[in-house]
Protein backbone atom coordinates (compact mmCIF):
# COMPACT_ATOMS: atom_id res chain seq x y z
CA MET A 1 4.52 14.81 -1.09
CA SER A 2 8.17 13.14 -0.71
CA ARG A 3 9.11 9.39 -0.02
CA VAL A 4 11.85 8.29 1.94
CA ALA A 5 13.44 4.71 1.61
CA ALA A 6 15.78 2.73 4.01
CA VAL A 7 18.76 0.91 2.11
CA ILE A 8 19.33 -1.55 4.89
CA PHE A 9 22.47 -3.19 4.29
CA LYS A 10 24.37 -5.63 6.80
CA ASP A 11 26.87 -8.51 6.13
CA GLY A 12 26.36 -8.29 2.44
CA THR A 13 22.55 -8.57 2.61
CA PHE A 14 19.75 -6.29 2.01
CA THR A 15 16.42 -6.15 3.74
CA LEU A 16 13.79 -5.38 1.28
CA LEU A 17 10.02 -5.87 1.11
CA ARG A 18 8.69 -8.44 -1.48
CA ARG A 19 5.54 -7.20 -2.79
CA GLN A 20 2.28 -8.92 -4.72
CA LYS A 21 0.02 -6.09 -5.91
CA ASN A 22 -2.66 -6.87 -8.48
CA GLY A 23 -1.03 -9.75 -10.01
CA GLU A 24 2.44 -7.97 -10.24
CA HIS A 25 5.43 -9.34 -8.40
CA TYR A 26 8.19 -6.96 -7.30
CA TYR A 27 10.68 -5.71 -4.20
CA VAL A 28 10.89 -2.26 -2.90
CA PHE A 29 12.97 -0.62 -0.12
CA ALA A 30 11.11 -0.14 3.18
CA GLY A 31 9.75 3.39 3.80
CA GLY A 32 7.02 5.74 2.88
CA LEU A 33 5.66 9.04 2.57
CA VAL A 34 7.01 12.12 4.53
CA GLU A 35 4.02 13.79 6.56
CA GLU A 36 3.41 17.56 6.13
CA GLY A 37 5.87 19.15 8.19
CA GLU A 38 7.90 16.15 9.15
CA LYS A 39 11.74 15.99 8.38
CA LEU A 40 13.10 13.35 5.99
CA GLU A 41 14.94 11.58 8.57
CA ASP A 42 12.08 11.46 11.21
CA ALA A 43 9.73 10.28 8.50
CA LEU A 44 12.21 7.47 7.69
CA ARG A 45 12.54 6.44 11.25
CA ARG A 46 8.80 6.41 11.86
CA GLU A 47 8.12 4.57 8.59
CA ILE A 48 10.68 1.76 9.71
CA ARG A 49 9.24 1.51 13.08
CA GLU A 50 5.72 1.05 11.79
CA GLU A 51 6.68 -1.42 8.89
CA LEU A 52 9.65 -3.52 10.66
CA GLY A 53 9.39 -2.55 14.31
CA ILE A 54 12.91 -1.44 14.37
CA GLU A 55 14.47 1.67 15.64
CA ILE A 56 17.20 2.67 13.02
CA THR A 57 20.26 4.81 13.13
CA ILE A 58 20.74 6.69 9.70
CA ASP A 59 24.26 6.51 8.17
CA ARG A 60 23.82 8.95 5.43
CA LEU A 61 21.79 9.86 2.46
CA LEU A 62 22.72 7.89 -0.46
CA PHE A 63 20.99 9.40 -3.08
CA ASP A 64 17.83 11.14 -4.45
CA LEU A 65 15.55 10.85 -7.61
CA VAL A 66 12.34 11.63 -9.09
CA ASN A 67 10.08 8.80 -9.55
CA ARG A 68 6.41 9.16 -11.26
CA GLY A 69 7.07 12.92 -10.43
CA GLN A 70 7.57 12.31 -6.68
CA ASP A 71 10.93 13.26 -5.20
CA GLU A 72 12.28 10.13 -3.27
CA TYR A 73 15.40 9.96 -0.87
CA TYR A 74 17.09 6.89 -0.09
CA TYR A 75 19.18 6.57 3.07
CA LEU A 76 21.93 4.02 3.92
CA VAL A 77 20.90 1.98 7.33
CA THR A 78 23.54 -0.45 8.61
CA GLN A 79 22.47 -0.45 12.53
CA TRP A 80 19.44 -0.72 14.10
CA GLU A 81 18.09 -2.13 17.31
CA GLY A 82 15.72 -5.04 17.53
CA ASP A 83 14.82 -7.93 14.92
CA ALA A 84 13.34 -6.65 11.71
CA GLN A 85 9.87 -8.31 11.33
CA LEU A 86 6.83 -7.12 9.19
CA ILE A 87 4.74 -5.43 11.38
CA MET A 88 3.09 -3.00 8.90
CA ASP A 89 1.19 -0.76 11.53
CA GLY A 90 0.66 2.27 9.41
CA PRO A 91 -1.66 3.29 6.71
CA GLU A 92 -0.71 0.02 4.59
CA LYS A 93 -2.07 -2.27 7.05
CA ALA A 94 -5.66 -1.34 5.79
CA THR A 95 -4.87 -2.35 2.41
CA ILE A 96 -3.41 -5.68 2.94
CA GLY A 97 -5.31 -8.43 1.31
CA PRO A 98 -5.30 -11.40 -1.39
CA SER A 99 -4.24 -8.96 -4.27
CA ASN A 100 -1.94 -6.85 -2.11
CA THR A 101 0.60 -8.57 0.11
CA TYR A 102 3.88 -7.65 1.83
CA GLU A 103 6.82 -10.06 2.90
CA LEU A 104 10.11 -9.37 4.50
CA ALA A 105 12.88 -10.52 2.24
CA GLU A 106 16.80 -10.86 2.61
CA ILE A 107 18.73 -10.48 -0.78
CA GLU A 108 22.38 -10.66 -1.27
CA LEU A 109 24.35 -7.81 -3.07
CA ALA A 110 25.14 -10.15 -5.89
CA GLY A 111 21.20 -11.04 -6.28
CA LEU A 112 20.27 -7.40 -6.33
CA LYS A 113 20.59 -6.76 -10.25
CA THR A 114 18.52 -10.01 -10.86
CA ILE A 115 15.26 -9.03 -9.12
CA ASN A 116 12.45 -6.68 -9.82
CA LEU A 117 13.42 -4.15 -7.61
CA LEU A 118 11.57 -0.92 -8.04
CA PRO A 119 12.28 1.74 -9.02
CA HIS A 120 14.70 0.34 -11.15
CA GLU A 121 16.71 3.65 -11.08
CA ALA A 122 17.20 3.24 -7.38
CA ARG A 123 18.15 -0.50 -7.90
CA ASP A 124 21.06 0.68 -10.18
CA LYS A 125 22.36 3.46 -7.79
CA VAL A 126 22.41 1.20 -4.89
CA SER A 127 24.09 -1.78 -6.86
CA VAL A 128 27.05 0.51 -7.82
CA LEU A 129 27.27 2.17 -4.49
CA THR A 130 27.20 -0.90 -2.09
CA ILE A 131 30.49 -2.27 -3.75
CA TYR A 132 32.32 0.10 -1.37
CA ALA A 133 30.26 -1.06 1.87
CA ASN A 134 32.55 -3.18 3.49
CA GLU A 135 35.65 -1.04 2.60
CA GLU A 136 37.27 0.74 5.68
CA SER A 137 37.86 4.00 3.65
CA PRO A 138 35.64 4.54 0.57
CA SER A 139 36.16 7.40 -1.73
CA LYS A 140 32.76 8.68 -2.71
């Protein structure tokens, strides 16, 4: 199965999920698994609706990578409808408990490399790409 993730970025700030799981603390980009027969972008829209309660407009695919043997696709999102809030209305809802928590986090671009954002390869790729986010005509 593949995973999709939204790099939600606006006004120099990323919207991430802060996780605590089995004593580990880390951050992830919101997203989830692609269901059988589902298109990648449709899966991302569904996952973000389930997790954050917003309707997103996908800007573009930023990059893909393989993480723990799984294909992952990271999409830039700079526009959405609604106010992001932690909904967790998907399969994750049943797993939430004292040793498995989710929180919504806003992290500025400058702080991105200082947090435990997983996977690290995605964090590093986003850190480089987003330096162009506010330029009018980035050359990519």
